[in-house]
C-alpha cells in the first residue's frame, strides 16, 4: 500500500493517484515530478510486506516516509525508513529478528554524466523510480557487522557443535597457546 501527499491544487483523491506503487519491488511512478518544475515534491508513505532484497537479506516489513523532490537533473529522494531484518546469530546460528531504522538520501538522474560519482541511479523512461537498491545498501550499511541474539551469547561448542546457550557440553577445553589467547576472545 502506498499513499501520496502532494501539496498542490489537486483534490485529495487526485493527489493520492499521482504517485503509486508499481510492484512489490519498491518502484514508484512519478511522472508528475518528471514533468514538473524544480522544487516540486511528493511525500510517499512506504508500507511494504516481507521482501527479499538480497540472497542473505530478508526483511519482514518496510515502513516510513520518503520525500521525492524535482531537482535540476532528476529527482532527489530523502526519507526515514524502519524495518525488521531476519538473520541468524553470528555465534549460535539461532534465528533472530533485528529492528533497524535508517535514513535514505539518494539522487535519481534522467541522464548520467561521466563526472557523476558512482553509483548512479537512473529514472526509467516511463518515470519509474526503483528504491530497492539504495534501500538494500542502506540496510547493509546500518546493520552491525556481527548480529547477535543477545550480547552474552555463548555460541556453539567448537568441538561438538551444541548451542551453549541451551545445553552444557562435556567436551574437554583445549589448552591454548598463551600467545594466541587474545584471538580466542574474538570468537
C-alpha atoms as a PDB file:
ATOM      1  CA  UNK A   1       0.000   0.000   0.000  1.00  0.00           C
ATOM      2  CA  UNK A   2       1.173   3.497  -0.701  1.00  0.00           C
ATOM      3  CA  UNK A   3      -0.315   6.875  -0.208  1.00  0.00           C
ATOM      4  CA  UNK A   4       0.948  10.103  -1.634  1.00  0.00           C
ATOM      5  CA  UNK A   5       0.535  13.501  -0.040  1.00  0.00           C
ATOM      6  CA  UNK A   6       1.326  16.100  -2.685  1.00  0.00           C
ATOM      7  CA  UNK A   7       0.922  19.783  -1.882  1.00  0.00           C
ATOM      8  CA  UNK A   8      -0.908  21.104  -4.918  1.00  0.00           C
ATOM      9  CA  UNK A   9      -4.200  22.408  -6.176  1.00  0.00           C
ATOM     10  CA  UNK A  10      -5.377  18.863  -6.895  1.00  0.00           C
ATOM     11  CA  UNK A  11      -8.187  17.434  -4.839  1.00  0.00           C
ATOM     12  CA  UNK A  12      -7.375  14.743  -2.263  1.00  0.00           C
ATOM     13  CA  UNK A  13      -8.480  11.868  -4.487  1.00  0.00           C
ATOM     14  CA  UNK A  14      -6.405  13.170  -7.414  1.00  0.00           C
ATOM     15  CA  UNK A  15      -3.303  13.763  -5.270  1.00  0.00           C
ATOM     16  CA  UNK A  16      -3.397  10.186  -3.983  1.00  0.00           C
ATOM     17  CA  UNK A  17      -3.206   8.925  -7.578  1.00  0.00           C
ATOM     18  CA  UNK A  18      -0.187  10.996  -8.640  1.00  0.00           C
ATOM     19  CA  UNK A  19       2.471   8.639  -7.239  1.00  0.00           C
ATOM     20  CA  UNK A  20       1.703   4.990  -6.945  1.00  0.00           C
ATOM     21  CA  UNK A  21       3.371   1.724  -6.175  1.00  0.00           C
ATOM     22  CA  UNK A  22       4.212  -0.190  -9.354  1.00  0.00           C
ATOM     23  CA  UNK A  23       5.184  -3.594  -7.949  1.00  0.00           C
ATOM     24  CA  UNK A  24       6.369  -5.339  -4.827  1.00  0.00           C
ATOM     25  CA  UNK A  25       9.912  -4.296  -5.695  1.00  0.00           C
ATOM     26  CA  UNK A  26       9.740  -0.756  -4.281  1.00  0.00           C
ATOM     27  CA  UNK A  27       9.104   1.085  -7.527  1.00  0.00           C
ATOM     28  CA  UNK A  28       7.228   4.381  -7.716  1.00  0.00           C
ATOM     29  CA  UNK A  29       5.727   6.077 -10.755  1.00  0.00           C
ATOM     30  CA  UNK A  30       6.441   9.811 -10.502  1.00  0.00           C
ATOM     31  CA  UNK A  31       5.585  11.199 -13.945  1.00  0.00           C
ATOM     32  CA  UNK A  32       4.152  14.388 -12.437  1.00  0.00           C
ATOM     33  CA  UNK A  33       7.565  15.169 -10.880  1.00  0.00           C
ATOM     34  CA  UNK A  34       9.469  14.355 -14.065  1.00  0.00           C
ATOM     35  CA  UNK A  35       7.255  16.811 -15.945  1.00  0.00           C
ATOM     36  CA  UNK A  36       7.072  19.232 -13.006  1.00  0.00           C
ATOM     37  CA  UNK A  37       9.051  22.324 -12.135  1.00  0.00           C
ATOM     38  CA  UNK A  38      12.168  22.462  -9.956  1.00  0.00           C
ATOM     39  CA  UNK A  39      11.376  22.193  -6.251  1.00  0.00           C
ATOM     40  CA  UNK A  40       8.061  20.411  -6.727  1.00  0.00           C
ATOM     41  CA  UNK A  41       7.780  17.446  -4.365  1.00  0.00           C
ATOM     42  CA  UNK A  42       5.708  14.463  -3.353  1.00  0.00           C
ATOM     43  CA  UNK A  43       5.686  12.729   0.013  1.00  0.00           C
ATOM     44  CA  UNK A  44       5.233   8.971  -0.217  1.00  0.00           C
ATOM     45  CA  UNK A  45       4.197   6.706   2.642  1.00  0.00           C
ATOM     46  CA  UNK A  46       6.146   3.451   2.257  1.00  0.00           C
ATOM     47  CA  UNK A  47       4.444   0.315   3.544  1.00  0.00           C
ATOM     48  CA  UNK A  48       5.971  -2.931   2.273  1.00  0.00           C
ATOM     49  CA  UNK A  49       5.444  -6.502   3.396  1.00  0.00           C
ATOM     50  CA  UNK A  50       8.030  -9.275   3.584  1.00  0.00           C
ATOM     51  CA  UNK A  51      10.634  -8.659   0.904  1.00  0.00           C
ATOM     52  CA  UNK A  52      13.851 -10.391  -0.085  1.00  0.00           C
ATOM     53  CA  UNK A  53      16.356  -7.721  -1.050  1.00  0.00           C
ATOM     54  CA  UNK A  54      19.370  -9.980  -1.353  1.00  0.00           C
ATOM     55  CA  UNK A  55      20.116 -13.685  -1.113  1.00  0.00           C
ATOM     56  CA  UNK A  56      21.119 -13.155   2.536  1.00  0.00           C
ATOM     57  CA  UNK A  57      18.788 -10.245   3.316  1.00  0.00           C
ATOM     58  CA  UNK A  58      15.083 -10.668   4.051  1.00  0.00           C
ATOM     59  CA  UNK A  59      13.019  -8.015   5.783  1.00  0.00           C
ATOM     60  CA  UNK A  60       9.640  -8.516   7.460  1.00  0.00           C
ATOM     61  CA  UNK A  61       8.355  -5.075   6.556  1.00  0.00           C
ATOM     62  CA  UNK A  62       9.483  -1.659   5.391  1.00  0.00           C
ATOM     63  CA  UNK A  63       7.682   1.415   6.734  1.00  0.00           C
ATOM     64  CA  UNK A  64       8.344   5.125   6.594  1.00  0.00           C
ATOM     65  CA  UNK A  65       8.127   8.286   4.552  1.00  0.00           C
ATOM     66  CA  UNK A  66      10.122   9.372   1.515  1.00  0.00           C
ATOM     67  CA  UNK A  67      10.014  12.881   0.089  1.00  0.00           C
ATOM     68  CA  UNK A  68      10.724  12.955  -3.663  1.00  0.00           C
ATOM     69  CA  UNK A  69      11.779  16.408  -4.903  1.00  0.00           C
ATOM     70  CA  UNK A  70      12.317  17.523  -8.515  1.00  0.00           C
ATOM     71  CA  UNK A  71      15.875  18.840  -8.890  1.00  0.00           C
ATOM     72  CA  UNK A  72      17.974  20.075 -11.812  1.00  0.00           C
ATOM     73  CA  UNK A  73      18.954  16.754 -13.408  1.00  0.00           C
ATOM     74  CA  UNK A  74      16.456  14.394 -11.828  1.00  0.00           C
ATOM     75  CA  UNK A  75      14.676  13.612  -8.578  1.00  0.00           C
ATOM     76  CA  UNK A  76      16.112  13.686  -5.059  1.00  0.00           C
ATOM     77  CA  UNK A  77      14.743  11.189  -2.531  1.00  0.00           C
ATOM     78  CA  UNK A  78      15.121  11.608   1.212  1.00  0.00           C
ATOM     79  CA  UNK A  79      13.319   9.842   3.994  1.00  0.00           C
ATOM     80  CA  UNK A  80      13.288   7.836   7.176  1.00  0.00           C
ATOM     81  CA  UNK A  81      12.566   4.100   6.995  1.00  0.00           C
ATOM     82  CA  UNK A  82      12.298   1.302   9.534  1.00  0.00           C
ATOM     83  CA  UNK A  83      12.345  -2.439   9.085  1.00  0.00           C
ATOM     84  CA  UNK A  84      12.860  -5.786  10.800  1.00  0.00           C
ATOM     85  CA  UNK A  85      15.753  -7.822   9.358  1.00  0.00           C
ATOM     86  CA  UNK A  86      15.646 -11.625   9.510  1.00  0.00           C
ATOM     87  CA  UNK A  87      19.067 -13.154  10.203  1.00  0.00           C
ATOM     88  CA  UNK A  88      21.000 -15.755  12.170  1.00  0.00           C
ATOM     89  CA  UNK A  89      23.067 -15.032  15.268  1.00  0.00           C
ATOM     90  CA  UNK A  90      26.779 -14.874  14.377  1.00  0.00           C
ATOM     91  CA  UNK A  91      27.679 -17.060  17.374  1.00  0.00           C
ATOM     92  CA  UNK A  92      24.925 -19.648  17.907  1.00  0.00           C
ATOM     93  CA  UNK A  93      23.188 -19.506  14.492  1.00  0.00           C
ATOM     94  CA  UNK A  94      19.723 -19.129  16.087  1.00  0.00           C
ATOM     95  CA  UNK A  95      17.179 -17.187  14.032  1.00  0.00           C
ATOM     96  CA  UNK A  96      16.767 -13.564  15.142  1.00  0.00           C
ATOM     97  CA  UNK A  97      14.715 -10.544  14.112  1.00  0.00           C
ATOM     98  CA  UNK A  98      16.739  -7.339  14.233  1.00  0.00           C
ATOM     99  CA  UNK A  99      14.872  -3.986  14.248  1.00  0.00           C
ATOM    100  CA  UNK A 100      16.538  -1.286  12.176  1.00  0.00           C
ATOM    101  CA  UNK A 101      15.845   2.388  11.422  1.00  0.00           C
ATOM    102  CA  UNK A 102      17.786   4.357   8.837  1.00  0.00           C
ATOM    103  CA  UNK A 103      17.783   7.430   6.633  1.00  0.00           C
ATOM    104  CA  UNK A 104      17.783   7.250   2.865  1.00  0.00           C
ATOM    105  CA  UNK A 105      19.046  10.095   0.698  1.00  0.00           C
ATOM    106  CA  UNK A 106      19.619   9.440  -2.966  1.00  0.00           C
ATOM    107  CA  UNK A 107      19.600  11.257  -6.281  1.00  0.00           C
ATOM    108  CA  UNK A 108      17.953   9.663  -9.320  1.00  0.00           C
ATOM    109  CA  UNK A 109      19.072  11.099 -12.659  1.00  0.00           C
ATOM    110  CA  UNK A 110      17.441  11.418 -16.067  1.00  0.00           C
ATOM    111  CA  UNK A 111      20.780  11.031 -17.909  1.00  0.00           C
ATOM    112  CA  UNK A 112      24.118  10.176 -16.258  1.00  0.00           C
ATOM    113  CA  UNK A 113      27.322  12.126 -16.878  1.00  0.00           C
ATOM    114  CA  UNK A 114      30.880  10.833 -16.765  1.00  0.00           C
ATOM    115  CA  UNK A 115      31.701  13.112 -13.822  1.00  0.00           C
ATOM    116  CA  UNK A 116      28.846  11.710 -11.696  1.00  0.00           C
ATOM    117  CA  UNK A 117      30.104   9.709  -8.709  1.00  0.00           C
ATOM    118  CA  UNK A 118      29.196   6.029  -8.619  1.00  0.00           C
ATOM    119  CA  UNK A 119      26.639   4.621  -8.173  1.00  0.00           C
ATOM    120  CA  UNK A 120      24.234   6.461 -10.438  1.00  0.00           C
ATOM    121  CA  UNK A 121      20.554   5.592 -10.192  1.00  0.00           C
ATOM    122  CA  UNK A 122      18.500   6.357 -13.274  1.00  0.00           C
ATOM    123  CA  UNK A 123      14.866   7.253 -13.722  1.00  0.00           C
ATOM    124  CA  UNK A 124      13.305   4.845 -16.219  1.00  0.00           C
ATOM    125  CA  UNK A 125      11.784   6.074 -19.457  1.00  0.00           C
ATOM    126  CA  UNK A 126       8.293   5.673 -18.016  1.00  0.00           C
ATOM    127  CA  UNK A 127       9.177   7.820 -14.940  1.00  0.00           C
ATOM    128  CA  UNK A 128       9.553   4.906 -12.509  1.00  0.00           C
ATOM    129  CA  UNK A 129      11.979   5.221  -9.606  1.00  0.00           C
ATOM    130  CA  UNK A 130      13.193   1.979  -8.043  1.00  0.00           C
ATOM    131  CA  UNK A 131      14.369   2.492  -4.444  1.00  0.00           C
ATOM    132  CA  UNK A 132      15.143  -1.180  -3.785  1.00  0.00           C
ATOM    133  CA  UNK A 133      18.905  -0.941  -4.453  1.00  0.00           C
ATOM    134  CA  UNK A 134      19.580   2.193  -2.363  1.00  0.00           C
ATOM    135  CA  UNK A 135      17.375   0.706   0.374  1.00  0.00           C
ATOM    136  CA  UNK A 136      19.278  -2.586   0.280  1.00  0.00           C
ATOM    137  CA  UNK A 137      22.586  -0.729   0.517  1.00  0.00           C
ATOM    138  CA  UNK A 138      21.421   1.396   3.447  1.00  0.00           C
ATOM    139  CA  UNK A 139      20.233  -1.685   5.324  1.00  0.00           C
ATOM    140  CA  UNK A 140      23.617  -3.394   4.844  1.00  0.00           C
ATOM    141  CA  UNK A 141      25.475  -0.218   5.878  1.00  0.00           C
ATOM    142  CA  UNK A 142      23.389   0.208   9.037  1.00  0.00           C
ATOM    143  CA  UNK A 143      23.487  -3.416  10.184  1.00  0.00           C
ATOM    144  CA  UNK A 144      26.108  -4.325  12.779  1.00  0.00           C
ATOM    145  CA  UNK A 145      28.964  -6.435  11.432  1.00  0.00           C
ATOM    146  CA  UNK A 146      28.002  -9.288  13.747  1.00  0.00           C
ATOM    147  CA  UNK A 147      24.342  -9.751  14.615  1.00  0.00           C
ATOM    148  CA  UNK A 148      23.920 -11.462  17.984  1.00  0.00           C
ATOM    149  CA  UNK A 149      20.805 -12.943  19.582  1.00  0.00           C
ATOM    150  CA  UNK A 150      21.959 -11.314  22.836  1.00  0.00           C
ATOM    151  CA  UNK A 151      25.199  -9.631  23.954  1.00  0.00           C
ATOM    152  CA  UNK A 152      26.245 -12.541  26.197  1.00  0.00           C
ATOM    153  CA  UNK A 153      25.600 -15.267  23.595  1.00  0.00           C
ATOM    154  CA  UNK A 154      27.918 -18.204  24.317  1.00  0.00           C
ATOM    155  CA  UNK A 155      27.754 -19.562  20.763  1.00  0.00           C
ATOM    156  CA  UNK A 156      28.358 -23.135  19.661  1.00  0.00           C
ATOM    157  CA  UNK A 157      30.820 -25.607  21.138  1.00  0.00           C
ATOM    158  CA  UNK A 158      33.812 -25.706  18.803  1.00  0.00           C
ATOM    159  CA  UNK A 159      34.122 -29.468  19.268  1.00  0.00           C
ATOM    160  CA  UNK A 160      30.610 -30.951  19.380  1.00  0.00           C
ATOM    161  CA  UNK A 161      28.577 -28.050  17.925  1.00  0.00           C
ATOM    162  CA  UNK A 162      25.806 -27.826  20.551  1.00  0.00           C
ATOM    163  CA  UNK A 163      24.300 -24.462  21.397  1.00  0.00           C
ATOM    164  CA  UNK A 164      25.971 -23.452  24.671  1.00  0.00           C
ATOM    165  CA  UNK A 165      23.076 -21.102  25.482  1.00  0.00           C
ATOM    166  CA  UNK A 166      20.724 -24.102  25.766  1.00  0.00           C
ATOM    167  CA  UNK A 167      22.907 -27.014  26.863  1.00  0.00           C
ATOM    168  CA  UNK A 168      26.129 -27.781  28.678  1.00  0.00           C
ATOM    169  CA  UNK A 169      28.544 -29.958  26.768  1.00  0.00           C
ATOM    170  CA  UNK A 170      31.001 -32.454  28.223  1.00  0.00           C
ATOM    171  CA  UNK A 171      33.836 -31.603  25.854  1.00  0.00           C
ATOM    172  CA  UNK A 172      37.287 -31.024  27.302  1.00  0.00           C
ATOM    173  CA  UNK A 173      38.518 -27.470  26.874  1.00  0.00           C
ATOM    174  CA  UNK A 174      41.668 -27.376  24.805  1.00  0.00           C
ATOM    175  CA  UNK A 175      44.821 -25.812  26.191  1.00  0.00           C
ATOM    176  CA  UNK A 176      45.567 -22.750  24.108  1.00  0.00           C
ATOM    177  CA  UNK A 177      48.991 -21.299  23.451  1.00  0.00           C
ATOM    178  CA  UNK A 178      49.087 -18.143  25.648  1.00  0.00           C
ATOM    179  CA  UNK A 179      50.345 -16.106  22.693  1.00  0.00           C
ATOM    180  CA  UNK A 180      47.100 -16.901  20.842  1.00  0.00           C
ATOM    181  CA  UNK A 181      44.782 -16.333  23.827  1.00  0.00           C
ATOM    182  CA  UNK A 182      43.754 -12.808  22.695  1.00  0.00           C
ATOM    183  CA  UNK A 183      42.462 -14.339  19.457  1.00  0.00           C
ATOM    184  CA  UNK A 184      40.120 -16.625  21.425  1.00  0.00           C
ATOM    185  CA  UNK A 185      38.334 -13.566  22.821  1.00  0.00           C
ATOM    186  CA  UNK A 186      37.318 -12.604  19.282  1.00  0.00           C
ATOM    187  CA  UNK A 187      35.325 -15.828  18.899  1.00  0.00           C
END
